């Protein structure tokens, strides 16, 4: 299949830009609004349904790129899982579902749909080969592969779900991550990853034109979970060429370092305060704390964008380093992460 990336990007971007105002009007007429609350930072009712525009732009582009190609079978599984999460997210945005249905039902089901369609961990395969074949053979390899795929999809989807707490943050972080996934896909000649990345990149940037502060529309849980799911799929499918298996798994972790860091901070912070991490929303995320340091909302979001770019650049760097140096870089990054979490934890956060 021949993919015309510029045309695909502009298609996704233009559809997203064009559909988002329509989604906004529908949200207003149907009462799909996010109202101000003590745990939220916006001050006026804001339409939801932005996730529908992101979904429509990305999926339309993806299906056009995949039609009649060898990647179509896996694409159907990806679209199936994404559609499930969009539907559940819309019900949650409407207040018709308990919030935990997303974490304990919708996200696991979307992971199972992916696995059944043949989408599984590839970046970590060398490590799984070593563990599986050296210990108990292929049965353990499959068990580890499926288990890691399952928890990766849930973890990254949930990370983006809680990352959507400030104007332009979730869409911008997803766009930056998509751009770096697209870079690796082009370099490595990965057709499916190119299609996924360019579709999400255009859709995210198109929506961002309406969602950057002051936001005129929110993506809601439907959009945040959709983007998280697509990021999880990209992380599963990316295969950095000529990168030793011992370090290839670092690439998606660096690209998605912002949502991973934010989720880690929130989990540690809430557990320390005796709260349930994914059931106790609050103004205790990385961007909230950066804003309280004096950056303000826009400054905090731009700082998160910068961290996303740094993570992406580190992913490119680690792909070109010898194995020992890459390991030291990852260790240094892990230590820096822990230091940053300890520092941010000293910044007072509002639980109300």
Protein backbone atom coordinates (compact mmCIF):
# COMPACT_ATOMS: atom_id res chain seq x y z
CA UNK A 1 0.00 0.00 0.00
CA UNK A 2 1.23 3.47 -0.85
CA UNK A 3 0.54 6.02 1.88
CA UNK A 4 0.59 9.69 0.98
CA UNK A 5 1.43 11.05 4.42
CA UNK A 6 0.98 14.81 3.75
CA UNK A 7 -2.46 14.23 2.21
CA UNK A 8 -3.45 11.91 5.06
CA UNK A 9 -2.33 14.45 7.65
CA UNK A 10 -4.26 17.31 6.06
CA UNK A 11 -7.36 15.13 5.68
CA UNK A 12 -7.32 14.25 9.37
CA UNK A 13 -6.54 17.83 10.39
CA UNK A 14 -9.20 19.44 8.22
CA UNK A 15 -11.90 16.94 9.24
CA UNK A 16 -11.08 17.52 12.90
CA UNK A 17 -11.10 21.30 12.55
CA UNK A 18 -14.38 21.19 10.61
CA UNK A 19 -16.31 18.69 12.71
CA UNK A 20 -15.36 20.10 16.13
CA UNK A 21 -17.67 23.19 15.88
CA UNK A 22 -20.53 20.89 14.86
CA UNK A 23 -19.81 18.65 17.84
CA UNK A 24 -19.82 21.75 20.04
CA UNK A 25 -23.26 22.83 18.82
CA UNK A 26 -24.68 19.34 19.31
CA UNK A 27 -23.24 19.24 22.83
CA UNK A 28 -24.88 22.57 23.70
CA UNK A 29 -28.25 21.51 22.30
CA UNK A 30 -28.23 18.14 24.04
CA UNK A 31 -26.88 19.40 27.34
CA UNK A 32 -23.56 17.58 27.07
CA UNK A 33 -21.74 20.18 29.15
CA UNK A 34 -18.98 20.01 31.71
CA UNK A 35 -20.04 22.25 34.59
CA UNK A 36 -17.63 24.02 36.95
CA UNK A 37 -16.91 22.23 40.23
CA UNK A 38 -14.44 22.55 43.12
CA UNK A 39 -12.22 19.82 41.63
CA UNK A 40 -12.20 21.47 38.18
CA UNK A 41 -10.44 24.59 36.97
CA UNK A 42 -12.82 25.92 34.27
CA UNK A 43 -15.26 28.62 35.36
CA UNK A 44 -18.11 28.27 32.89
CA UNK A 45 -20.07 25.34 31.43
CA UNK A 46 -18.08 23.97 28.50
CA UNK A 47 -19.42 21.67 25.76
CA UNK A 48 -18.12 18.13 25.60
CA UNK A 49 -18.22 15.80 22.54
CA UNK A 50 -14.85 16.96 21.26
CA UNK A 51 -13.78 13.33 21.43
CA UNK A 52 -16.27 12.50 18.70
CA UNK A 53 -14.54 14.93 16.33
CA UNK A 54 -11.10 13.49 17.15
CA UNK A 55 -12.40 9.95 16.67
CA UNK A 56 -14.15 10.75 13.38
CA UNK A 57 -11.11 12.46 11.87
CA UNK A 58 -8.60 9.82 12.96
CA UNK A 59 -10.70 6.75 12.14
CA UNK A 60 -11.82 8.09 8.75
CA UNK A 61 -8.19 8.74 7.80
CA UNK A 62 -7.02 5.39 9.15
CA UNK A 63 -9.69 3.41 7.28
CA UNK A 64 -8.94 5.22 4.03
CA UNK A 65 -5.25 4.41 4.39
CA UNK A 66 -5.87 0.79 5.35
CA UNK A 67 -8.63 -0.05 2.85
CA UNK A 68 -7.67 -3.01 0.68
CA UNK A 69 -4.26 -3.43 2.30
CA UNK A 70 -2.59 -6.13 4.34
CA UNK A 71 -2.94 -4.07 7.52
CA UNK A 72 -6.75 -3.96 7.29
CA UNK A 73 -7.33 -7.00 9.55
CA UNK A 74 -5.41 -5.46 12.45
CA UNK A 75 -7.00 -2.10 11.72
CA UNK A 76 -10.47 -3.54 12.34
CA UNK A 77 -9.40 -4.68 15.82
CA UNK A 78 -7.95 -1.25 16.58
CA UNK A 79 -11.11 0.48 15.37
CA UNK A 80 -13.23 -1.95 17.39
CA UNK A 81 -11.38 -1.26 20.64
CA UNK A 82 -11.35 2.48 19.99
CA UNK A 83 -15.09 2.53 19.24
CA UNK A 84 -15.87 0.65 22.45
CA UNK A 85 -13.93 3.18 24.50
CA UNK A 86 -15.54 6.11 22.69
CA UNK A 87 -19.03 4.75 23.39
CA UNK A 88 -18.30 4.05 27.06
CA UNK A 89 -16.66 7.46 27.39
CA UNK A 90 -19.71 9.19 25.95
CA UNK A 91 -21.97 7.39 28.42
CA UNK A 92 -19.65 8.42 31.24
CA UNK A 93 -19.56 12.03 30.02
CA UNK A 94 -23.34 11.96 30.05
CA UNK A 95 -23.32 10.70 33.64
CA UNK A 96 -24.95 7.39 32.78
CA UNK A 97 -22.13 5.13 34.00
CA UNK A 98 -20.12 4.71 37.17
CA UNK A 99 -16.61 6.02 36.54
CA UNK A 100 -14.99 2.69 37.45
CA UNK A 101 -16.72 0.95 34.53
CA UNK A 102 -14.08 2.52 32.30
CA UNK A 103 -11.14 1.11 34.24
CA UNK A 104 -12.46 -2.32 35.13
CA UNK A 105 -14.59 -3.17 32.10
CA UNK A 106 -14.11 -0.98 29.02
CA UNK A 107 -10.32 -0.75 29.06
CA UNK A 108 -9.76 -4.49 29.67
CA UNK A 109 -12.25 -5.34 26.91
CA UNK A 110 -10.48 -3.02 24.48
CA UNK A 111 -7.18 -4.75 25.32
CA UNK A 112 -8.74 -8.16 24.68
CA UNK A 113 -10.11 -6.98 21.33
CA UNK A 114 -6.59 -5.91 20.33
CA UNK A 115 -5.05 -9.21 21.39
CA UNK A 116 -7.66 -11.25 19.52
CA UNK A 117 -7.06 -9.16 16.37
CA UNK A 118 -3.35 -9.96 16.54
CA UNK A 119 -2.01 -6.73 18.02
CA UNK A 120 0.48 -7.62 20.74
CA UNK A 121 3.75 -6.46 22.24
CA UNK A 122 6.57 -6.34 19.70
CA UNK A 123 9.09 -3.96 21.24
CA UNK A 124 9.52 -6.18 24.30
CA UNK A 125 9.69 -9.44 22.34
CA UNK A 126 13.45 -9.99 22.74
CA UNK A 127 13.09 -9.80 26.51
CA UNK A 128 10.09 -12.12 26.41
CA UNK A 129 12.02 -14.52 24.19
CA UNK A 130 14.80 -14.66 26.75
CA UNK A 131 12.48 -15.24 29.69
CA UNK A 132 9.98 -17.50 27.97
CA UNK A 133 12.31 -19.79 26.07
CA UNK A 134 14.99 -20.03 28.74
CA UNK A 135 12.58 -20.90 31.54
CA UNK A 136 9.50 -22.79 30.44
CA UNK A 137 9.32 -22.45 26.66
CA UNK A 138 6.62 -20.95 24.48
CA UNK A 139 3.66 -21.25 26.90
CA UNK A 140 5.33 -18.79 29.26
CA UNK A 141 6.29 -16.56 26.30
CA UNK A 142 2.65 -16.28 25.25
CA UNK A 143 1.49 -15.70 28.82
CA UNK A 144 4.00 -12.89 29.33
CA UNK A 145 3.23 -11.40 25.92
CA UNK A 146 -0.52 -11.30 26.46
CA UNK A 147 -0.25 -10.11 30.07
CA UNK A 148 2.12 -7.27 29.18
CA UNK A 149 -0.06 -6.23 26.24
CA UNK A 150 -3.15 -6.29 28.45
CA UNK A 151 -1.70 -4.12 31.22
CA UNK A 152 0.08 -1.77 28.81
CA UNK A 153 -3.19 -0.93 27.03
CA UNK A 154 -5.04 -0.37 30.30
CA UNK A 155 -2.20 1.65 31.82
CA UNK A 156 -1.62 4.03 28.91
CA UNK A 157 -5.34 4.48 28.24
CA UNK A 158 -5.95 5.29 31.90
CA UNK A 159 -2.96 7.66 31.93
CA UNK A 160 -4.43 9.76 29.13
CA UNK A 161 -7.87 9.57 30.70
CA UNK A 162 -6.62 11.40 33.80
CA UNK A 163 -4.25 13.65 31.81
CA UNK A 164 -7.21 15.58 30.38
CA UNK A 165 -7.44 18.14 33.18
CA UNK A 166 -6.27 21.39 31.57
CA UNK A 167 -7.05 23.19 28.31
CA UNK A 168 -5.04 21.78 25.42
CA UNK A 169 -2.97 19.41 27.55
CA UNK A 170 -4.14 15.97 26.48
CA UNK A 171 -4.49 16.77 22.78
CA UNK A 172 -1.11 18.51 22.65
CA UNK A 173 0.75 15.72 24.45
CA UNK A 174 -0.89 13.15 22.15
CA UNK A 175 0.10 15.17 19.07
CA UNK A 176 3.74 15.39 20.20
CA UNK A 177 3.89 11.66 20.95
CA UNK A 178 2.26 10.88 17.59
CA UNK A 179 4.87 12.98 15.79
CA UNK A 180 7.71 10.96 17.32
CA UNK A 181 5.96 7.65 16.64
CA UNK A 182 5.55 8.85 13.05
CA UNK A 183 9.27 9.60 12.84
CA UNK A 184 10.19 6.06 13.89
CA UNK A 185 7.55 4.58 11.60
CA UNK A 186 8.94 6.46 8.59
CA UNK A 187 12.53 5.52 9.42
CA UNK A 188 11.60 1.87 9.96
CA UNK A 189 9.13 1.55 7.08
CA UNK A 190 6.21 0.49 9.31
CA UNK A 191 3.02 0.95 7.29
CA UNK A 192 0.45 0.45 10.06
CA UNK A 193 2.27 2.65 12.54
CA UNK A 194 2.61 5.39 9.93
CA UNK A 195 -1.12 5.26 9.25
CA UNK A 196 -2.04 5.33 12.94
CA UNK A 197 0.40 8.08 13.84
CA UNK A 198 -0.45 10.46 11.00
CA UNK A 199 -4.20 9.98 11.58
CA UNK A 200 -3.94 10.78 15.30
CA UNK A 201 -1.47 13.63 14.73
CA UNK A 202 -3.80 15.44 12.34
CA UNK A 203 -6.90 14.83 14.47
CA UNK A 204 -5.20 16.01 17.67
CA UNK A 205 -3.79 19.18 16.14
CA UNK A 206 -7.09 19.96 14.47
CA UNK A 207 -8.96 19.65 17.74
CA UNK A 208 -6.29 21.67 19.53
CA UNK A 209 -7.26 24.74 17.46
CA UNK A 210 -10.54 24.73 19.42
CA UNK A 211 -9.26 23.31 22.70
CA UNK A 212 -6.18 25.39 23.55
CA UNK A 213 -6.76 27.91 26.35
CA UNK A 214 -9.35 29.28 26.58
CA UNK A 215 -11.00 26.06 25.42
CA UNK A 216 -14.29 26.34 23.54
CA UNK A 217 -14.89 22.59 23.80
CA UNK A 218 -13.55 19.64 25.79
CA UNK A 219 -12.77 16.18 24.46
CA UNK A 220 -14.31 14.49 27.51
CA UNK A 221 -13.46 11.01 28.69
CA UNK A 222 -14.51 9.70 25.28
CA UNK A 223 -11.73 11.61 23.56
CA UNK A 224 -9.10 11.12 26.26
CA UNK A 225 -9.58 7.35 26.35
CA UNK A 226 -9.56 7.19 22.56
CA UNK A 227 -6.25 9.04 22.38
CA UNK A 228 -4.80 6.94 25.19
CA UNK A 229 -5.82 3.75 23.44
CA UNK A 230 -4.26 4.87 20.16
CA UNK A 231 -1.04 5.82 21.98
CA UNK A 232 -1.01 2.39 23.60
CA UNK A 233 -1.39 0.73 20.19
CA UNK A 234 1.43 2.81 18.74
CA UNK A 235 3.64 1.83 21.67
CA UNK A 236 2.81 -1.82 21.07
CA UNK A 237 3.50 -1.75 17.36
CA UNK A 238 6.61 0.43 17.09
CA UNK A 239 9.73 -1.55 16.15
CA UNK A 240 12.85 0.63 16.13
CA UNK A 241 15.10 -0.70 13.37
CA UNK A 242 18.67 -1.67 14.20
CA UNK A 243 18.04 -1.11 17.92
CA UNK A 244 19.07 -4.05 20.15
CA UNK A 245 16.17 -5.80 21.82
CA UNK A 246 17.67 -5.12 25.24
CA UNK A 247 16.92 -1.40 24.88
CA UNK A 248 14.24 -1.12 22.16
CA UNK A 249 11.52 -1.11 24.83
CA UNK A 250 12.86 2.23 26.10
CA UNK A 251 11.69 4.02 22.94
CA UNK A 252 7.91 3.98 23.62
CA UNK A 253 8.51 4.67 27.32
CA UNK A 254 10.45 7.84 26.52
CA UNK A 255 7.90 8.95 23.90
CA UNK A 256 5.06 8.52 26.41
CA UNK A 257 7.06 9.75 29.39
CA UNK A 258 4.72 12.69 30.15
CA UNK A 259 1.52 10.69 30.77
CA UNK A 260 3.54 7.94 32.49
CA UNK A 261 5.21 10.50 34.78
CA UNK A 262 1.96 12.29 35.57
CA UNK A 263 0.14 9.06 36.38
CA UNK A 264 3.00 7.88 38.58
CA UNK A 265 2.98 11.18 40.48
CA UNK A 266 -0.79 11.04 40.98
CA UNK A 267 -0.74 7.42 42.16
CA UNK A 268 2.08 8.01 44.66
CA UNK A 269 0.58 11.28 45.89
CA UNK A 270 -2.90 9.91 46.43
CA UNK A 271 -1.71 6.70 48.06
CA UNK A 272 0.38 8.76 50.48
CA UNK A 273 -2.76 10.70 51.40
CA UNK A 274 -4.82 7.56 51.83
CA UNK A 275 -6.84 8.07 48.64
CA UNK A 276 -7.77 5.64 45.87
CA UNK A 277 -5.72 6.80 42.85
CA UNK A 278 -8.25 6.46 40.03
CA UNK A 279 -11.34 7.14 42.13
CA UNK A 280 -10.28 10.37 43.84
CA UNK A 281 -10.00 13.20 41.30
CA UNK A 282 -8.28 16.37 42.41
CA UNK A 283 -6.01 19.23 41.44
CA UNK A 284 -2.87 17.24 42.19
CA UNK A 285 -1.51 16.55 38.71
CA UNK A 286 1.84 17.72 37.38
CA UNK A 287 0.31 20.61 35.42
CA UNK A 288 -1.70 21.77 38.47
CA UNK A 289 1.45 21.92 40.55
CA UNK A 290 3.43 23.70 37.83
CA UNK A 291 0.63 26.27 37.52
CA UNK A 292 0.80 26.91 41.27
CA UNK A 293 4.53 27.54 40.96
CA UNK A 294 3.64 30.67 38.99
CA UNK A 295 3.53 29.37 35.43
CA UNK A 296 -0.24 29.69 35.18
CA UNK A 297 -2.38 27.35 33.10
CA UNK A 298 -0.89 28.18 29.70
CA UNK A 299 2.65 28.13 31.05
CA UNK A 300 2.07 24.78 32.72
CA UNK A 301 0.67 23.27 29.53
CA UNK A 302 3.58 24.59 27.48
CA UNK A 303 5.98 23.17 30.06
CA UNK A 304 4.30 19.76 29.67
CA UNK A 305 4.65 20.07 25.89
CA UNK A 306 8.35 20.78 26.37
CA UNK A 307 8.73 17.69 28.54
CA UNK A 308 6.99 15.67 25.84
CA UNK A 309 9.45 16.94 23.22
CA UNK A 310 12.38 16.14 25.52
CA UNK A 311 11.05 12.63 26.03
CA UNK A 312 10.71 12.19 22.28
CA UNK A 313 14.22 13.43 21.63
CA UNK A 314 15.53 11.03 24.29
CA UNK A 315 13.77 8.19 22.46
CA UNK A 316 15.72 9.09 19.30
CA UNK A 317 18.94 9.41 21.28
CA UNK A 318 18.56 6.05 23.01
CA UNK A 319 17.94 4.40 19.64
CA UNK A 320 21.39 5.52 18.50
CA UNK A 321 23.36 4.78 21.66
CA UNK A 322 25.35 1.64 22.46
CA UNK A 323 23.53 -0.67 24.86
CA UNK A 324 25.58 0.23 27.98
CA UNK A 325 25.14 3.97 27.45
CA UNK A 326 21.42 3.56 26.75
CA UNK A 327 21.02 1.69 30.02
CA UNK A 328 22.82 4.46 31.91
CA UNK A 329 20.61 7.05 30.23
CA UNK A 330 17.48 5.17 31.24
CA UNK A 331 18.76 4.78 34.81
CA UNK A 332 19.56 8.50 35.00
CA UNK A 333 16.09 9.30 33.67
CA UNK A 334 14.46 7.00 36.25
CA UNK A 335 16.38 8.61 39.10
CA UNK A 336 15.53 12.08 37.79
CA UNK A 337 11.88 11.06 37.67
CA UNK A 338 11.90 10.02 41.32
CA UNK A 339 13.62 13.26 42.33
CA UNK A 340 11.07 15.29 40.34
CA UNK A 341 8.18 13.44 41.97
CA UNK A 342 9.63 14.07 45.45
CA UNK A 343 10.04 17.77 44.59
CA UNK A 344 6.55 18.16 43.14
CA UNK A 345 5.07 16.39 46.16
CA UNK A 346 6.30 19.29 48.31
CA UNK A 347 4.09 21.68 46.35
CA UNK A 348 0.70 21.97 48.11
CA UNK A 349 -2.11 20.48 46.06
CA UNK A 350 -5.81 21.12 46.40
CA UNK A 351 -7.98 18.09 47.09
CA UNK A 352 -11.18 20.10 46.90
